[in-house]
């Protein structure tokens, strides 16, 4: 799936069935369903889950919690707007899933 196809899927009421949990969390976040996205992200036990979890807490405004999760993901809080970070995470995960 490309980022264009992923963004087009946001017109649906449910995420595509073949999305990984990480991409599903990002899909729900884009639909302004923060709690649903967070519930999914906190159950993902890898770096991608930690990165999404960090992003979600940054979006929430809880930077202390976000820093914890960025550290777990092996990343730093980026100096970019939230929408740009969402795009970076989504594009990276889509690229990895296409391999």
C-alpha atoms as a PDB file:
ATOM      1  CA  UNK A   1       0.000   0.000   0.000  1.00  0.00           C
ATOM      2  CA  UNK A   2       1.277   3.470  -0.847  1.00  0.00           C
ATOM      3  CA  UNK A   3       0.870   6.556   1.316  1.00  0.00           C
ATOM      4  CA  UNK A   4      -1.622   7.830  -1.265  1.00  0.00           C
ATOM      5  CA  UNK A   5      -3.688   4.652  -0.953  1.00  0.00           C
ATOM      6  CA  UNK A   6      -3.418   4.802   2.844  1.00  0.00           C
ATOM      7  CA  UNK A   7      -4.658   8.406   2.853  1.00  0.00           C
ATOM      8  CA  UNK A   8      -7.495   7.495   0.477  1.00  0.00           C
ATOM      9  CA  UNK A   9      -8.557   4.733   2.885  1.00  0.00           C
ATOM     10  CA  UNK A  10      -9.242   7.417   5.486  1.00  0.00           C
ATOM     11  CA  UNK A  11     -12.529   8.032   3.666  1.00  0.00           C
ATOM     12  CA  UNK A  12     -13.694   4.599   4.870  1.00  0.00           C
ATOM     13  CA  UNK A  13     -15.431   4.040   8.199  1.00  0.00           C
ATOM     14  CA  UNK A  14     -13.129   1.136   9.147  1.00  0.00           C
ATOM     15  CA  UNK A  15      -9.444   0.585   8.432  1.00  0.00           C
ATOM     16  CA  UNK A  16      -8.449  -1.814   5.663  1.00  0.00           C
ATOM     17  CA  UNK A  17      -8.335  -5.358   7.018  1.00  0.00           C
ATOM     18  CA  UNK A  18      -4.729  -5.970   5.988  1.00  0.00           C
ATOM     19  CA  UNK A  19      -3.159  -3.163   8.045  1.00  0.00           C
ATOM     20  CA  UNK A  20      -0.636  -4.032  10.724  1.00  0.00           C
ATOM     21  CA  UNK A  21      -1.581  -2.924  14.244  1.00  0.00           C
ATOM     22  CA  UNK A  22       0.927  -0.043  13.957  1.00  0.00           C
ATOM     23  CA  UNK A  23      -0.628   1.238  10.744  1.00  0.00           C
ATOM     24  CA  UNK A  24      -4.102   0.714  12.179  1.00  0.00           C
ATOM     25  CA  UNK A  25      -3.176   2.930  15.146  1.00  0.00           C
ATOM     26  CA  UNK A  26      -1.997   5.649  12.760  1.00  0.00           C
ATOM     27  CA  UNK A  27      -5.176   5.223  10.706  1.00  0.00           C
ATOM     28  CA  UNK A  28      -7.366   5.785  13.788  1.00  0.00           C
ATOM     29  CA  UNK A  29      -5.247   8.757  14.825  1.00  0.00           C
ATOM     30  CA  UNK A  30      -5.805  10.349  11.419  1.00  0.00           C
ATOM     31  CA  UNK A  31      -9.542   9.854  11.979  1.00  0.00           C
ATOM     32  CA  UNK A  32      -9.239  11.878  15.231  1.00  0.00           C
ATOM     33  CA  UNK A  33      -9.730   8.740  17.330  1.00  0.00           C
ATOM     34  CA  UNK A  34      -6.795   9.347  19.710  1.00  0.00           C
ATOM     35  CA  UNK A  35      -7.993   6.943  22.407  1.00  0.00           C
ATOM     36  CA  UNK A  36      -8.499   4.112  19.953  1.00  0.00           C
ATOM     37  CA  UNK A  37      -5.072   4.762  18.404  1.00  0.00           C
ATOM     38  CA  UNK A  38      -3.465   4.848  21.849  1.00  0.00           C
ATOM     39  CA  UNK A  39      -5.144   1.602  22.942  1.00  0.00           C
ATOM     40  CA  UNK A  40      -3.681  -0.154  19.896  1.00  0.00           C
ATOM     41  CA  UNK A  41      -0.227   1.449  20.153  1.00  0.00           C
ATOM     42  CA  UNK A  42       0.275   0.591  23.797  1.00  0.00           C
ATOM     43  CA  UNK A  43      -0.148  -3.099  22.997  1.00  0.00           C
ATOM     44  CA  UNK A  44       2.527  -3.108  20.264  1.00  0.00           C
ATOM     45  CA  UNK A  45       5.748  -4.364  21.831  1.00  0.00           C
ATOM     46  CA  UNK A  46       8.335  -3.155  19.317  1.00  0.00           C
ATOM     47  CA  UNK A  47      10.075   0.056  18.270  1.00  0.00           C
ATOM     48  CA  UNK A  48       7.279   1.014  15.888  1.00  0.00           C
ATOM     49  CA  UNK A  49       4.740   0.762  18.686  1.00  0.00           C
ATOM     50  CA  UNK A  50       6.936   2.840  20.967  1.00  0.00           C
ATOM     51  CA  UNK A  51       7.399   5.465  18.249  1.00  0.00           C
ATOM     52  CA  UNK A  52       3.660   5.728  17.642  1.00  0.00           C
ATOM     53  CA  UNK A  53       3.043   5.787  21.385  1.00  0.00           C
ATOM     54  CA  UNK A  54       5.562   8.649  21.696  1.00  0.00           C
ATOM     55  CA  UNK A  55       3.948  10.571  18.837  1.00  0.00           C
ATOM     56  CA  UNK A  56       0.500  10.155  20.398  1.00  0.00           C
ATOM     57  CA  UNK A  57       1.658  11.478  23.774  1.00  0.00           C
ATOM     58  CA  UNK A  58       3.388  14.377  22.019  1.00  0.00           C
ATOM     59  CA  UNK A  59       0.106  15.109  20.251  1.00  0.00           C
ATOM     60  CA  UNK A  60      -1.684  14.929  23.593  1.00  0.00           C
ATOM     61  CA  UNK A  61       0.757  17.498  24.981  1.00  0.00           C
ATOM     62  CA  UNK A  62       2.323  15.093  27.491  1.00  0.00           C
ATOM     63  CA  UNK A  63       5.941  15.681  26.468  1.00  0.00           C
ATOM     64  CA  UNK A  64       7.435  13.964  29.523  1.00  0.00           C
ATOM     65  CA  UNK A  65       5.617  10.729  28.688  1.00  0.00           C
ATOM     66  CA  UNK A  66       6.409  11.226  25.001  1.00  0.00           C
ATOM     67  CA  UNK A  67      10.144  11.520  25.778  1.00  0.00           C
ATOM     68  CA  UNK A  68       9.999   8.181  27.620  1.00  0.00           C
ATOM     69  CA  UNK A  69       8.457   6.478  24.587  1.00  0.00           C
ATOM     70  CA  UNK A  70      10.799   8.162  22.096  1.00  0.00           C
ATOM     71  CA  UNK A  71      13.682   6.804  24.167  1.00  0.00           C
ATOM     72  CA  UNK A  72      12.159   3.299  24.088  1.00  0.00           C
ATOM     73  CA  UNK A  73      11.849   3.627  20.304  1.00  0.00           C
ATOM     74  CA  UNK A  74      15.486   4.731  20.004  1.00  0.00           C
ATOM     75  CA  UNK A  75      14.430   8.138  18.725  1.00  0.00           C
ATOM     76  CA  UNK A  76      14.345  11.774  19.794  1.00  0.00           C
ATOM     77  CA  UNK A  77      11.340  14.059  19.857  1.00  0.00           C
ATOM     78  CA  UNK A  78      11.445  15.655  16.399  1.00  0.00           C
ATOM     79  CA  UNK A  79      11.358  19.408  15.858  1.00  0.00           C
ATOM     80  CA  UNK A  80       8.677  19.048  13.165  1.00  0.00           C
ATOM     81  CA  UNK A  81       4.918  19.631  13.187  1.00  0.00           C
ATOM     82  CA  UNK A  82       2.785  16.691  14.295  1.00  0.00           C
ATOM     83  CA  UNK A  83       1.340  16.194  10.810  1.00  0.00           C
ATOM     84  CA  UNK A  84       4.838  15.866   9.385  1.00  0.00           C
ATOM     85  CA  UNK A  85       5.815  13.316  12.005  1.00  0.00           C
ATOM     86  CA  UNK A  86       2.618  11.331  11.344  1.00  0.00           C
ATOM     87  CA  UNK A  87       3.521  11.299   7.648  1.00  0.00           C
ATOM     88  CA  UNK A  88       7.115  10.193   8.407  1.00  0.00           C
ATOM     89  CA  UNK A  89       5.998   7.326  10.640  1.00  0.00           C
ATOM     90  CA  UNK A  90       3.288   6.191   8.236  1.00  0.00           C
ATOM     91  CA  UNK A  91       5.559   6.335   5.184  1.00  0.00           C
ATOM     92  CA  UNK A  92       8.327   4.408   6.958  1.00  0.00           C
ATOM     93  CA  UNK A  93       5.956   1.680   8.158  1.00  0.00           C
ATOM     94  CA  UNK A  94       4.304   1.366   4.750  1.00  0.00           C
ATOM     95  CA  UNK A  95       7.711   1.106   3.109  1.00  0.00           C
ATOM     96  CA  UNK A  96       8.784  -1.604   5.560  1.00  0.00           C
ATOM     97  CA  UNK A  97       5.570  -3.560   5.017  1.00  0.00           C
ATOM     98  CA  UNK A  98       6.079  -3.498   1.236  1.00  0.00           C
ATOM     99  CA  UNK A  99       9.422  -5.338   1.497  1.00  0.00           C
END
